[in-house]
PDB file of N, CA and C in Angstrom:
ATOM      1  N   MET A   1     177.135 -22.957 193.887  1.00  0.00           N
ATOM      2  CA  MET A   1     178.439 -23.166 194.469  1.00  0.00           C
ATOM      3  C   MET A   1     179.282 -21.901 194.308  1.00  0.00           C
ATOM      4  N   GLU A   2     179.933 -21.508 195.368  1.00  0.00           N
ATOM      5  CA  GLU A   2     180.800 -20.335 195.346  1.00  0.00           C
ATOM      6  C   GLU A   2     182.084 -20.654 194.588  1.00  0.00           C
ATOM      7  N   LYS A   3     182.569 -19.666 193.834  1.00  0.00           N
ATOM      8  CA  LYS A   3     183.798 -19.843 193.067  1.00  0.00           C
ATOM      9  C   LYS A   3     184.947 -19.095 193.729  1.00  0.00           C
ATOM     10  N   VAL A   4     186.143 -19.580 193.468  1.00  0.00           N
ATOM     11  CA  VAL A   4     187.349 -18.872 193.872  1.00  0.00           C
ATOM     12  C   VAL A   4     187.682 -17.898 192.750  1.00  0.00           C
ATOM     13  N   LYS A   5     187.835 -16.633 193.101  1.00  0.00           N
ATOM     14  CA  LYS A   5     188.156 -15.613 192.098  1.00  0.00           C
ATOM     15  C   LYS A   5     189.670 -15.408 192.072  1.00  0.00           C
ATOM     16  N   LEU A   6     190.271 -15.724 190.931  1.00  0.00           N
ATOM     17  CA  LEU A   6     191.704 -15.539 190.743  1.00  0.00           C
ATOM     18  C   LEU A   6     191.927 -14.422 189.740  1.00  0.00           C
ATOM     19  N   GLU A   7     192.731 -13.457 190.121  1.00  0.00           N
ATOM     20  CA  GLU A   7     193.123 -12.381 189.217  1.00  0.00           C
ATOM     21  C   GLU A   7     194.649 -12.366 189.172  1.00  0.00           C
ATOM     22  N   PHE A   8     195.177 -12.400 187.969  1.00  0.00           N
ATOM     23  CA  PHE A   8     196.624 -12.386 187.797  1.00  0.00           C
ATOM     24  C   PHE A   8     197.006 -11.196 186.940  1.00  0.00           C
ATOM     25  N   ILE A   9     197.911 -10.376 187.450  1.00  0.00           N
ATOM     26  CA  ILE A   9     198.409  -9.242 186.691  1.00  0.00           C
ATOM     27  C   ILE A   9     199.755  -9.654 186.114  1.00  0.00           C
ATOM     28  N   ASN A  10     199.781  -9.833 184.804  1.00  0.00           N
ATOM     29  CA  ASN A  10     200.972 -10.262 184.083  1.00  0.00           C
ATOM     30  C   ASN A  10     201.737  -9.011 183.669  1.00  0.00           C
ATOM     31  N   THR A  11     202.926  -8.824 184.241  1.00  0.00           N
ATOM     32  CA  THR A  11     203.677  -7.599 183.996  1.00  0.00           C
ATOM     33  C   THR A  11     204.770  -7.745 182.947  1.00  0.00           C
ATOM     34  N   CYS A  12     205.152  -8.970 182.616  1.00  0.00           N
ATOM     35  CA  CYS A  12     206.237  -9.160 181.642  1.00  0.00           C
ATOM     36  C   CYS A  12     206.159 -10.557 181.034  1.00  0.00           C
ATOM     37  N   SER A  13     206.962 -10.790 180.028  1.00  0.00           N
ATOM     38  CA  SER A  13     206.937 -12.095 179.361  1.00  0.00           C
ATOM     39  C   SER A  13     207.419 -13.212 180.280  1.00  0.00           C
ATOM     40  N   CYS A  14     208.185 -12.887 181.294  1.00  0.00           N
ATOM     41  CA  CYS A  14     208.640 -13.899 182.257  1.00  0.00           C
ATOM     42  C   CYS A  14     207.465 -14.492 183.038  1.00  0.00           C
ATOM     43  N   CYS A  15     206.393 -13.732 183.170  1.00  0.00           N
ATOM     44  CA  CYS A  15     205.227 -14.161 183.947  1.00  0.00           C
ATOM     45  C   CYS A  15     204.254 -15.019 183.134  1.00  0.00           C
ATOM     46  N   ASP A  16     204.489 -15.152 181.840  1.00  0.00           N
ATOM     47  CA  ASP A  16     203.565 -15.919 181.000  1.00  0.00           C
ATOM     48  C   ASP A  16     203.395 -17.350 181.497  1.00  0.00           C
ATOM     49  N   GLY A  17     204.453 -17.943 182.015  1.00  0.00           N
ATOM     50  CA  GLY A  17     204.375 -19.308 182.533  1.00  0.00           C
ATOM     51  C   GLY A  17     203.406 -19.425 183.699  1.00  0.00           C
ATOM     52  N   TYR A  18     203.331 -18.395 184.528  1.00  0.00           N
ATOM     53  CA  TYR A  18     202.389 -18.409 185.649  1.00  0.00           C
ATOM     54  C   TYR A  18     200.950 -18.345 185.146  1.00  0.00           C
ATOM     55  N   GLY A  19     200.734 -17.623 184.069  1.00  0.00           N
ATOM     56  CA  GLY A  19     199.406 -17.602 183.449  1.00  0.00           C
ATOM     57  C   GLY A  19     199.009 -18.987 182.976  1.00  0.00           C
ATOM     58  N   ASP A  20     199.975 -19.732 182.410  1.00  0.00           N
ATOM     59  CA  ASP A  20     199.708 -21.109 181.979  1.00  0.00           C
ATOM     60  C   ASP A  20     199.347 -21.996 183.160  1.00  0.00           C
ATOM     61  N   VAL A  21     200.061 -21.844 184.272  1.00  0.00           N
ATOM     62  CA  VAL A  21     199.762 -22.626 185.481  1.00  0.00           C
ATOM     63  C   VAL A  21     198.336 -22.339 185.937  1.00  0.00           C
ATOM     64  N   LEU A  22     197.950 -21.075 185.949  1.00  0.00           N
ATOM     65  CA  LEU A  22     196.601 -20.696 186.385  1.00  0.00           C
ATOM     66  C   LEU A  22     195.531 -21.214 185.432  1.00  0.00           C
ATOM     67  N   ARG A  23     195.796 -21.162 184.132  1.00  0.00           N
ATOM     68  CA  ARG A  23     194.830 -21.711 183.166  1.00  0.00           C
ATOM     69  C   ARG A  23     194.676 -23.220 183.354  1.00  0.00           C
ATOM     70  N   ASP A  24     195.784 -23.920 183.630  1.00  0.00           N
ATOM     71  CA  ASP A  24     195.719 -25.363 183.889  1.00  0.00           C
ATOM     72  C   ASP A  24     194.887 -25.662 185.132  1.00  0.00           C
ATOM     73  N   LEU A  25     195.090 -24.883 186.190  1.00  0.00           N
ATOM     74  CA  LEU A  25     194.310 -25.083 187.418  1.00  0.00           C
ATOM     75  C   LEU A  25     192.828 -24.822 187.181  1.00  0.00           C
ATOM     76  N   ALA A  26     192.518 -23.784 186.425  1.00  0.00           N
ATOM     77  CA  ALA A  26     191.114 -23.483 186.118  1.00  0.00           C
ATOM     78  C   ALA A  26     190.493 -24.612 185.307  1.00  0.00           C
ATOM     79  N   ALA A  27     191.264 -25.217 184.402  1.00  0.00           N
ATOM     80  CA  ALA A  27     190.753 -26.331 183.596  1.00  0.00           C
ATOM     81  C   ALA A  27     190.552 -27.582 184.451  1.00  0.00           C
ATOM     82  N   LYS A  28     191.401 -27.788 185.464  1.00  0.00           N
ATOM     83  CA  LYS A  28     191.281 -28.957 186.351  1.00  0.00           C
ATOM     84  C   LYS A  28     190.102 -28.826 187.311  1.00  0.00           C
ATOM     85  N   HIS A  29     189.668 -27.608 187.558  1.00  0.00           N
ATOM     86  CA  HIS A  29     188.575 -27.354 188.507  1.00  0.00           C
ATOM     87  C   HIS A  29     187.477 -26.543 187.825  1.00  0.00           C
ATOM     88  N   PRO A  30     186.844 -27.122 186.800  1.00  0.00           N
ATOM     89  CA  PRO A  30     185.811 -26.361 186.076  1.00  0.00           C
ATOM     90  C   PRO A  30     184.642 -26.003 186.994  1.00  0.00           C
ATOM     91  N   GLY A  31     184.167 -24.794 186.862  1.00  0.00           N
ATOM     92  CA  GLY A  31     183.035 -24.354 187.672  1.00  0.00           C
ATOM     93  C   GLY A  31     183.409 -23.917 189.072  1.00  0.00           C
ATOM     94  N   GLN A  32     184.682 -24.090 189.462  1.00  0.00           N
ATOM     95  CA  GLN A  32     185.103 -23.709 190.806  1.00  0.00           C
ATOM     96  C   GLN A  32     186.018 -22.490 190.819  1.00  0.00           C
ATOM     97  N   ILE A  33     186.597 -22.165 189.662  1.00  0.00           N
ATOM     98  CA  ILE A  33     187.551 -21.065 189.584  1.00  0.00           C
ATOM     99  C   ILE A  33     187.099 -20.065 188.532  1.00  0.00           C
ATOM    100  N   ASP A  34     187.082 -18.801 188.934  1.00  0.00           N
ATOM    101  CA  ASP A  34     186.816 -17.690 188.019  1.00  0.00           C
ATOM    102  C   ASP A  34     188.156 -16.986 187.809  1.00  0.00           C
ATOM    103  N   LEU A  35     188.756 -17.169 186.630  1.00  0.00           N
ATOM    104  CA  LEU A  35     190.096 -16.663 186.349  1.00  0.00           C
ATOM    105  C   LEU A  35     190.047 -15.457 185.426  1.00  0.00           C
ATOM    106  N   LYS A  36     190.770 -14.422 185.813  1.00  0.00           N
ATOM    107  CA  LYS A  36     190.934 -13.235 184.969  1.00  0.00           C
ATOM    108  C   LYS A  36     192.420 -12.896 184.940  1.00  0.00           C
ATOM    109  N   ILE A  37     192.977 -12.830 183.734  1.00  0.00           N
ATOM    110  CA  ILE A  37     194.381 -12.461 183.571  1.00  0.00           C
ATOM    111  C   ILE A  37     194.441 -11.081 182.926  1.00  0.00           C
ATOM    112  N   TYR A  38     195.110 -10.169 183.605  1.00  0.00           N
ATOM    113  CA  TYR A  38     195.313  -8.815 183.099  1.00  0.00           C
ATOM    114  C   TYR A  38     196.738  -8.716 182.553  1.00  0.00           C
ATOM    115  N   TYR A  39     196.896  -7.992 181.475  1.00  0.00           N
ATOM    116  CA  TYR A  39     198.217  -7.757 180.900  1.00  0.00           C
ATOM    117  C   TYR A  39     198.561  -6.279 181.067  1.00  0.00           C
ATOM    118  N   MET A  40     199.645  -6.013 181.805  1.00  0.00           N
ATOM    119  CA  MET A  40     200.060  -4.635 182.053  1.00  0.00           C
ATOM    120  C   MET A  40     200.340  -3.930 180.728  1.00  0.00           C
ATOM    121  N   GLY A  41     199.835  -2.717 180.606  1.00  0.00           N
ATOM    122  CA  GLY A  41     200.001  -1.946 179.390  1.00  0.00           C
ATOM    123  C   GLY A  41     198.884  -2.149 178.394  1.00  0.00           C
ATOM    124  N   LYS A  42     198.098  -3.200 178.596  1.00  0.00           N
ATOM    125  CA  LYS A  42     196.969  -3.500 177.710  1.00  0.00           C
ATOM    126  C   LYS A  42     195.646  -3.398 178.466  1.00  0.00           C
ATOM    127  N   ASP A  43     195.600  -3.977 179.654  1.00  0.00           N
ATOM    128  CA  ASP A  43     194.397  -3.964 180.489  1.00  0.00           C
ATOM    129  C   ASP A  43     194.601  -2.980 181.640  1.00  0.00           C
ATOM    130  N   PHE A  44     193.545  -2.246 181.945  1.00  0.00           N
ATOM    131  CA  PHE A  44     193.650  -1.247 183.005  1.00  0.00           C
ATOM    132  C   PHE A  44     192.547  -1.406 184.054  1.00  0.00           C
ATOM    133  N   ASP A  45     191.727  -2.452 183.939  1.00  0.00           N
ATOM    134  CA  ASP A  45     190.611  -2.669 184.866  1.00  0.00           C
ATOM    135  C   ASP A  45     191.077  -2.863 186.306  1.00  0.00           C
ATOM    136  N   TYR A  46     192.263  -3.404 186.491  1.00  0.00           N
ATOM    137  CA  TYR A  46     192.752  -3.692 187.835  1.00  0.00           C
ATOM    138  C   TYR A  46     193.240  -2.438 188.576  1.00  0.00           C
ATOM    139  N   LEU A  47     193.576  -1.385 187.856  1.00  0.00           N
ATOM    140  CA  LEU A  47     194.167  -0.201 188.493  1.00  0.00           C
ATOM    141  C   LEU A  47     193.295   0.438 189.574  1.00  0.00           C
ATOM    142  N   PRO A  48     191.990   0.653 189.347  1.00  0.00           N
ATOM    143  CA  PRO A  48     191.183   1.259 190.417  1.00  0.00           C
ATOM    144  C   PRO A  48     191.113   0.385 191.677  1.00  0.00           C
ATOM    145  N   LYS A  49     191.142  -0.942 191.498  1.00  0.00           N
ATOM    146  CA  LYS A  49     191.036  -1.855 192.646  1.00  0.00           C
ATOM    147  C   LYS A  49     192.353  -2.018 193.385  1.00  0.00           C
ATOM    148  N   TYR A  50     193.448  -2.174 192.638  1.00  0.00           N
ATOM    149  CA  TYR A  50     194.711  -2.577 193.250  1.00  0.00           C
ATOM    150  C   TYR A  50     195.835  -1.563 193.097  1.00  0.00           C
ATOM    151  N   GLY A  51     195.624  -0.534 192.291  1.00  0.00           N
ATOM    152  CA  GLY A  51     196.666   0.460 192.071  1.00  0.00           C
ATOM    153  C   GLY A  51     197.744  -0.055 191.131  1.00  0.00           C
ATOM    154  N   PRO A  52     198.797   0.737 190.949  1.00  0.00           N
ATOM    155  CA  PRO A  52     199.870   0.318 190.048  1.00  0.00           C
ATOM    156  C   PRO A  52     200.599  -0.908 190.601  1.00  0.00           C
ATOM    157  N   ILE A  53     200.895  -1.838 189.735  1.00  0.00           N
ATOM    158  CA  ILE A  53     201.602  -3.064 190.109  1.00  0.00           C
ATOM    159  C   ILE A  53     202.773  -3.222 189.153  1.00  0.00           C
ATOM    160  N   SER A  54     203.961  -3.477 189.705  1.00  0.00           N
ATOM    161  CA  SER A  54     205.160  -3.527 188.866  1.00  0.00           C
ATOM    162  C   SER A  54     205.765  -4.919 188.743  1.00  0.00           C
ATOM    163  N   ARG A  55     205.177  -5.906 189.411  1.00  0.00           N
ATOM    164  CA  ARG A  55     205.659  -7.281 189.265  1.00  0.00           C
ATOM    165  C   ARG A  55     204.465  -8.216 189.193  1.00  0.00           C
ATOM    166  N   GLY A  56     204.667  -9.366 188.569  1.00  0.00           N
ATOM    167  CA  GLY A  56     203.578 -10.330 188.435  1.00  0.00           C
ATOM    168  C   GLY A  56     202.926 -10.593 189.783  1.00  0.00           C
ATOM    169  N   THR A  57     201.616 -10.477 189.838  1.00  0.00           N
ATOM    170  CA  THR A  57     200.898 -10.568 191.108  1.00  0.00           C
ATOM    171  C   THR A  57     199.632 -11.388 190.944  1.00  0.00           C
ATOM    172  N   LEU A  58     199.420 -12.314 191.879  1.00  0.00           N
ATOM    173  CA  LEU A  58     198.202 -13.114 191.941  1.00  0.00           C
ATOM    174  C   LEU A  58     197.365 -12.597 193.099  1.00  0.00           C
ATOM    175  N   ILE A  59     196.095 -12.343 192.826  1.00  0.00           N
ATOM    176  CA  ILE A  59     195.175 -11.890 193.867  1.00  0.00           C
ATOM    177  C   ILE A  59     194.026 -12.884 193.926  1.00  0.00           C
ATOM    178  N   ILE A  60     193.771 -13.406 195.126  1.00  0.00           N
ATOM    179  CA  ILE A  60     192.735 -14.415 195.321  1.00  0.00           C
ATOM    180  C   ILE A  60     191.584 -13.796 196.093  1.00  0.00           C
ATOM    181  N   ASN A  61     190.393 -13.917 195.527  1.00  0.00           N
ATOM    182  CA  ASN A  61     189.158 -13.414 196.143  1.00  0.00           C
ATOM    183  C   ASN A  61     189.263 -11.945 196.564  1.00  0.00           C
ATOM    184  N   GLU A  62     189.985 -11.169 195.774  1.00  0.00           N
ATOM    185  CA  GLU A  62     190.144  -9.726 195.985  1.00  0.00           C
ATOM    186  C   GLU A  62     190.747  -9.373 197.341  1.00  0.00           C
ATOM    187  N   ARG A  63     191.355 -10.343 198.039  1.00  0.00           N
ATOM    188  CA  ARG A  63     191.888 -10.101 199.375  1.00  0.00           C
ATOM    189  C   ARG A  63     193.350 -10.514 199.525  1.00  0.00           C
ATOM    190  N   GLU A  64     193.652 -11.742 199.152  1.00  0.00           N
ATOM    191  CA  GLU A  64     195.007 -12.261 199.353  1.00  0.00           C
ATOM    192  C   GLU A  64     195.872 -11.949 198.137  1.00  0.00           C
ATOM    193  N   ARG A  65     197.045 -11.411 198.404  1.00  0.00           N
ATOM    194  CA  ARG A  65     197.925 -10.949 197.329  1.00  0.00           C
ATOM    195  C   ARG A  65     199.266 -11.677 197.414  1.00  0.00           C
ATOM    196  N   PHE A  66     199.709 -12.216 196.282  1.00  0.00           N
ATOM    197  CA  PHE A  66     200.976 -12.934 196.203  1.00  0.00           C
ATOM    198  C   PHE A  66     201.805 -12.328 195.076  1.00  0.00           C
ATOM    199  N   ASP A  67     203.025 -11.883 195.402  1.00  0.00           N
ATOM    200  CA  ASP A  67     203.885 -11.380 194.333  1.00  0.00           C
ATOM    201  C   ASP A  67     205.256 -12.065 194.311  1.00  0.00           C
ATOM    202  N   GLU A  68     205.478 -13.000 195.207  1.00  0.00           N
ATOM    203  CA  GLU A  68     206.658 -13.873 195.164  1.00  0.00           C
ATOM    204  C   GLU A  68     206.156 -15.198 194.606  1.00  0.00           C
ATOM    205  N   LEU A  69     206.109 -15.309 193.286  1.00  0.00           N
ATOM    206  CA  LEU A  69     205.408 -16.421 192.653  1.00  0.00           C
ATOM    207  C   LEU A  69     206.334 -17.543 192.207  1.00  0.00           C
ATOM    208  N   SER A  70     205.805 -18.752 192.317  1.00  0.00           N
ATOM    209  CA  SER A  70     206.382 -19.964 191.751  1.00  0.00           C
ATOM    210  C   SER A  70     205.210 -20.914 191.541  1.00  0.00           C
ATOM    211  N   ARG A  71     205.438 -21.977 190.811  1.00  0.00           N
ATOM    212  CA  ARG A  71     204.366 -22.958 190.612  1.00  0.00           C
ATOM    213  C   ARG A  71     203.866 -23.464 191.963  1.00  0.00           C
ATOM    214  N   ARG A  72     204.784 -23.766 192.866  1.00  0.00           N
ATOM    215  CA  ARG A  72     204.418 -24.304 194.186  1.00  0.00           C
ATOM    216  C   ARG A  72     203.565 -23.305 194.975  1.00  0.00           C
ATOM    217  N   VAL A  73     203.954 -22.042 194.969  1.00  0.00           N
ATOM    218  CA  VAL A  73     203.197 -21.002 195.689  1.00  0.00           C
ATOM    219  C   VAL A  73     201.793 -20.874 195.105  1.00  0.00           C
ATOM    220  N   ILE A  74     201.696 -20.827 193.780  1.00  0.00           N
ATOM    221  CA  ILE A  74     200.395 -20.671 193.123  1.00  0.00           C
ATOM    222  C   ILE A  74     199.494 -21.859 193.420  1.00  0.00           C
ATOM    223  N   GLU A  75     200.011 -23.077 193.218  1.00  0.00           N
ATOM    224  CA  GLU A  75     199.190 -24.272 193.451  1.00  0.00           C
ATOM    225  C   GLU A  75     198.764 -24.370 194.909  1.00  0.00           C
ATOM    226  N   GLY A  76     199.658 -24.056 195.838  1.00  0.00           N
ATOM    227  CA  GLY A  76     199.317 -24.106 197.257  1.00  0.00           C
ATOM    228  C   GLY A  76     198.252 -23.089 197.633  1.00  0.00           C
ATOM    229  N   ALA A  77     198.394 -21.868 197.141  1.00  0.00           N
ATOM    230  CA  ALA A  77     197.429 -20.812 197.461  1.00  0.00           C
ATOM    231  C   ALA A  77     196.052 -21.130 196.886  1.00  0.00           C
ATOM    232  N   VAL A  78     196.022 -21.653 195.667  1.00  0.00           N
ATOM    233  CA  VAL A  78     194.741 -22.003 195.045  1.00  0.00           C
ATOM    234  C   VAL A  78     194.099 -23.170 195.784  1.00  0.00           C
ATOM    235  N   LYS A  79     194.902 -24.153 196.208  1.00  0.00           N
ATOM    236  CA  LYS A  79     194.357 -25.293 196.957  1.00  0.00           C
ATOM    237  C   LYS A  79     193.718 -24.828 198.266  1.00  0.00           C
ATOM    238  N   VAL A  80     194.403 -23.946 198.983  1.00  0.00           N
ATOM    239  CA  VAL A  80     193.855 -23.419 200.241  1.00  0.00           C
ATOM    240  C   VAL A  80     192.539 -22.687 199.980  1.00  0.00           C
ATOM    241  N   ALA A  81     192.500 -21.870 198.938  1.00  0.00           N
ATOM    242  CA  ALA A  81     191.275 -21.123 198.611  1.00  0.00           C
ATOM    243  C   ALA A  81     190.141 -22.069 198.231  1.00  0.00           C
ATOM    244  N   LEU A  82     190.444 -23.103 197.449  1.00  0.00           N
ATOM    245  CA  LEU A  82     189.410 -24.080 197.075  1.00  0.00           C
ATOM    246  C   LEU A  82     188.903 -24.834 198.299  1.00  0.00           C
ATOM    247  N   ASP A  83     189.810 -25.198 199.208  1.00  0.00           N
ATOM    248  CA  ASP A  83     189.409 -25.899 200.430  1.00  0.00           C
ATOM    249  C   ASP A  83     188.479 -25.037 201.284  1.00  0.00           C
ATOM    250  N   LYS A  84     188.746 -23.733 201.354  1.00  0.00           N
ATOM    251  CA  LYS A  84     187.881 -22.828 202.125  1.00  0.00           C
ATOM    252  C   LYS A  84     186.481 -22.769 201.524  1.00  0.00           C
ATOM    253  N   VAL A  85     186.419 -22.720 200.193  1.00  0.00           N
ATOM    254  CA  VAL A  85     185.119 -22.626 199.514  1.00  0.00           C
ATOM    255  C   VAL A  85     184.347 -23.932 199.636  1.00  0.00           C
ATOM    256  N   ASN A  86     185.054 -25.052 199.489  1.00  0.00           N
ATOM    257  CA  ASN A  86     184.396 -26.365 199.523  1.00  0.00           C
ATOM    258  C   ASN A  86     184.182 -26.861 200.941  1.00  0.00           C
ATOM    259  N   GLY A  87     184.822 -26.213 201.894  1.00  0.00           N
ATOM    260  CA  GLY A  87     184.836 -26.445 203.261  1.00  0.00           C
ATOM    261  C   GLY A  87     184.199 -27.388 204.042  1.00  0.00           C
TER     262      GLY A  87
END
């Protein structure tokens, strides 16, 4: 089964809540979501792929990028991605 790849670049303590939302979604959909959370200033793996990022950003399947985040936006985007995979 194909997984949805979620990458979240956490740029500040304000974004920690979004990381919790993503961890909850990954727990609700075991085996369907591959989640990686990067912390700016600590992790640098995302820089070659996405370049410098200055605000909390969610990237789905290395293609779709969201930087205007809320719980509703995150849950909606993940649902759409899961629906495409489970199709």
